[in-house]
Amino acid sequence: MAWVFLAIAVVFEIAFALGTNATRGFTRLWPSVFTLVAAAAGVFTLSQALKTLDVSVGYTIWTGLGSIGTVVFGAVLYKERITLPKLISFASIIAGAITLKLAAGI
């Protein structure tokens, strides 16, 4: 169940990051409300996952996959470019998350 909570937390992390851009510096009400709810829900579901998972594994996967998702959806929604350095960074994040999972024996 911890992995389910972590997956949900990742979705909220991506929503939070993308929502932050839509708030225009928290000057738009509904995007700001959405962003704050997504942030709170992400932290809550992460905390549920961390009841079982090591914080080093859970937090790294949460932030890593959240970062990757944000870049991918940022490219789709906001027309941001995905460059070779970004692709290399994605691969590094994924490799690090896999290595942490294997090292933790989970």
C-alpha atoms as a PDB file:
ATOM      1  CA  MET A   1       0.000   0.000   0.000  1.00  0.00           C
ATOM      2  CA  ALA A   2       2.948   2.334   0.590  1.00  0.00           C
ATOM      3  CA  TRP A   3       3.777   2.300  -3.119  1.00  0.00           C
ATOM      4  CA  VAL A   4       0.197   3.246  -3.976  1.00  0.00           C
ATOM      5  CA  PHE A   5       0.395   6.203  -1.595  1.00  0.00           C
ATOM      6  CA  LEU A   6       3.737   7.165  -3.114  1.00  0.00           C
ATOM      7  CA  ALA A   7       2.324   7.025  -6.653  1.00  0.00           C
ATOM      8  CA  ILE A   8      -0.579   9.240  -5.606  1.00  0.00           C
ATOM      9  CA  ALA A   9       1.870  11.620  -3.910  1.00  0.00           C
ATOM     10  CA  VAL A  10       3.847  11.870  -7.162  1.00  0.00           C
ATOM     11  CA  VAL A  11       0.699  12.847  -9.070  1.00  0.00           C
ATOM     12  CA  PHE A  12      -0.050  15.556  -6.510  1.00  0.00           C
ATOM     13  CA  GLU A  13       3.574  16.751  -6.679  1.00  0.00           C
ATOM     14  CA  ILE A  14       3.302  17.191 -10.441  1.00  0.00           C
ATOM     15  CA  ALA A  15      -0.068  18.940 -10.080  1.00  0.00           C
ATOM     16  CA  PHE A  16       1.417  21.238  -7.430  1.00  0.00           C
ATOM     17  CA  ALA A  17       4.391  22.215  -9.581  1.00  0.00           C
ATOM     18  CA  LEU A  18       2.313  22.818 -12.701  1.00  0.00           C
ATOM     19  CA  GLY A  19      -0.341  24.629 -10.703  1.00  0.00           C
ATOM     20  CA  THR A  20       2.249  26.972  -9.239  1.00  0.00           C
ATOM     21  CA  ASN A  21       2.979  28.242 -12.740  1.00  0.00           C
ATOM     22  CA  ALA A  22      -0.738  28.833 -13.353  1.00  0.00           C
ATOM     23  CA  THR A  23      -1.124  30.945 -10.195  1.00  0.00           C
ATOM     24  CA  ARG A  24       0.943  33.788 -11.667  1.00  0.00           C
ATOM     25  CA  GLY A  25       2.615  34.425  -8.325  1.00  0.00           C
ATOM     26  CA  PHE A  26      -0.487  33.416  -6.357  1.00  0.00           C
ATOM     27  CA  THR A  27      -2.450  36.310  -7.844  1.00  0.00           C
ATOM     28  CA  ARG A  28      -5.145  34.057  -9.388  1.00  0.00           C
ATOM     29  CA  LEU A  29      -7.599  32.598  -6.861  1.00  0.00           C
ATOM     30  CA  TRP A  30      -8.650  29.207  -8.249  1.00  0.00           C
ATOM     31  CA  PRO A  31      -5.246  28.119  -9.539  1.00  0.00           C
ATOM     32  CA  SER A  32      -3.854  29.168  -6.144  1.00  0.00           C
ATOM     33  CA  VAL A  33      -6.462  27.114  -4.277  1.00  0.00           C
ATOM     34  CA  PHE A  34      -5.796  24.120  -6.549  1.00  0.00           C
ATOM     35  CA  THR A  35      -2.051  24.451  -5.993  1.00  0.00           C
ATOM     36  CA  LEU A  36      -2.337  24.644  -2.204  1.00  0.00           C
ATOM     37  CA  VAL A  37      -4.690  21.639  -2.073  1.00  0.00           C
ATOM     38  CA  ALA A  38      -2.367  19.635  -4.342  1.00  0.00           C
ATOM     39  CA  ALA A  39       0.628  20.519  -2.150  1.00  0.00           C
ATOM     40  CA  ALA A  40      -1.169  19.494   1.046  1.00  0.00           C
ATOM     41  CA  ALA A  41      -2.476  16.283  -0.502  1.00  0.00           C
ATOM     42  CA  GLY A  42       0.988  15.433  -1.825  1.00  0.00           C
ATOM     43  CA  VAL A  43       2.635  15.874   1.553  1.00  0.00           C
ATOM     44  CA  PHE A  44      -0.143  13.910   3.253  1.00  0.00           C
ATOM     45  CA  THR A  45       0.067  10.943   0.857  1.00  0.00           C
ATOM     46  CA  LEU A  46       3.866  11.002   1.024  1.00  0.00           C
ATOM     47  CA  SER A  47       3.653  10.840   4.813  1.00  0.00           C
ATOM     48  CA  GLN A  48       1.404   7.794   4.514  1.00  0.00           C
ATOM     49  CA  ALA A  49       3.931   6.092   2.225  1.00  0.00           C
ATOM     50  CA  LEU A  50       6.769   6.903   4.623  1.00  0.00           C
ATOM     51  CA  LYS A  51       5.080   4.925   7.390  1.00  0.00           C
ATOM     52  CA  THR A  52       6.503   1.877   5.607  1.00  0.00           C
ATOM     53  CA  LEU A  53       9.162   3.106   3.174  1.00  0.00           C
ATOM     54  CA  ASP A  54      12.542   4.507   4.184  1.00  0.00           C
ATOM     55  CA  VAL A  55      12.499   8.286   3.897  1.00  0.00           C
ATOM     56  CA  SER A  56      15.614   8.162   1.715  1.00  0.00           C
ATOM     57  CA  VAL A  57      13.796   5.992  -0.821  1.00  0.00           C
ATOM     58  CA  GLY A  58      10.327   7.533  -0.614  1.00  0.00           C
ATOM     59  CA  TYR A  59      11.392  11.155  -0.723  1.00  0.00           C
ATOM     60  CA  THR A  60      13.897  10.618  -3.525  1.00  0.00           C
ATOM     61  CA  ILE A  61      11.384   8.795  -5.688  1.00  0.00           C
ATOM     62  CA  TRP A  62       8.707  11.405  -4.911  1.00  0.00           C
ATOM     63  CA  THR A  63      10.879  14.332  -5.895  1.00  0.00           C
ATOM     64  CA  GLY A  64      12.562  12.521  -8.788  1.00  0.00           C
ATOM     65  CA  LEU A  65       9.407  11.298 -10.480  1.00  0.00           C
ATOM     66  CA  GLY A  66       7.702  14.580  -9.640  1.00  0.00           C
ATOM     67  CA  SER A  67      10.508  16.427 -11.406  1.00  0.00           C
ATOM     68  CA  ILE A  68      10.354  14.188 -14.457  1.00  0.00           C
ATOM     69  CA  GLY A  69       6.575  14.467 -14.650  1.00  0.00           C
ATOM     70  CA  THR A  70       6.753  18.219 -14.287  1.00  0.00           C
ATOM     71  CA  VAL A  71       9.228  18.531 -17.145  1.00  0.00           C
ATOM     72  CA  VAL A  72       7.220  16.220 -19.414  1.00  0.00           C
ATOM     73  CA  PHE A  73       3.874  17.880 -18.689  1.00  0.00           C
ATOM     74  CA  GLY A  74       5.528  21.313 -18.786  1.00  0.00           C
ATOM     75  CA  ALA A  75       6.569  20.510 -22.340  1.00  0.00           C
ATOM     76  CA  VAL A  76       3.040  19.415 -23.240  1.00  0.00           C
ATOM     77  CA  LEU A  77       1.078  22.133 -21.443  1.00  0.00           C
ATOM     78  CA  TYR A  78       3.467  25.094 -21.533  1.00  0.00           C
ATOM     79  CA  LYS A  79       5.447  24.218 -24.695  1.00  0.00           C
ATOM     80  CA  GLU A  80       8.750  24.029 -22.789  1.00  0.00           C
ATOM     81  CA  ARG A  81      11.631  22.391 -24.689  1.00  0.00           C
ATOM     82  CA  ILE A  82      13.041  19.012 -23.671  1.00  0.00           C
ATOM     83  CA  THR A  83      16.748  19.184 -24.412  1.00  0.00           C
ATOM     84  CA  LEU A  84      19.505  16.574 -24.355  1.00  0.00           C
ATOM     85  CA  PRO A  85      20.741  17.727 -20.925  1.00  0.00           C
ATOM     86  CA  LYS A  86      17.186  17.295 -19.597  1.00  0.00           C
ATOM     87  CA  LEU A  87      17.019  13.770 -21.057  1.00  0.00           C
ATOM     88  CA  ILE A  88      20.361  12.872 -19.466  1.00  0.00           C
ATOM     89  CA  SER A  89      19.075  14.231 -16.159  1.00  0.00           C
ATOM     90  CA  PHE A  90      15.912  12.105 -16.462  1.00  0.00           C
ATOM     91  CA  ALA A  91      18.028   9.004 -16.969  1.00  0.00           C
ATOM     92  CA  SER A  92      20.171   9.887 -13.950  1.00  0.00           C
ATOM     93  CA  ILE A  93      17.118  10.384 -11.735  1.00  0.00           C
ATOM     94  CA  ILE A  94      15.573   7.090 -12.833  1.00  0.00           C
ATOM     95  CA  ALA A  95      18.860   5.226 -12.341  1.00  0.00           C
ATOM     96  CA  GLY A  96      19.259   6.751  -8.891  1.00  0.00           C
ATOM     97  CA  ALA A  97      15.725   5.829  -7.851  1.00  0.00           C
ATOM     98  CA  ILE A  98      16.179   2.246  -9.036  1.00  0.00           C
ATOM     99  CA  THR A  99      19.515   1.976  -7.250  1.00  0.00           C
ATOM    100  CA  LEU A 100      17.997   3.306  -4.009  1.00  0.00           C
ATOM    101  CA  LYS A 101      15.144   0.823  -4.253  1.00  0.00           C
ATOM    102  CA  LEU A 102      17.549  -2.063  -4.803  1.00  0.00           C
ATOM    103  CA  ALA A 103      19.864  -0.892  -2.011  1.00  0.00           C
ATOM    104  CA  ALA A 104      16.951  -0.702   0.414  1.00  0.00           C
ATOM    105  CA  GLY A 105      15.984  -4.274  -0.433  1.00  0.00           C
ATOM    106  CA  ILE A 106      12.365  -3.330  -1.030  1.00  0.00           C
END
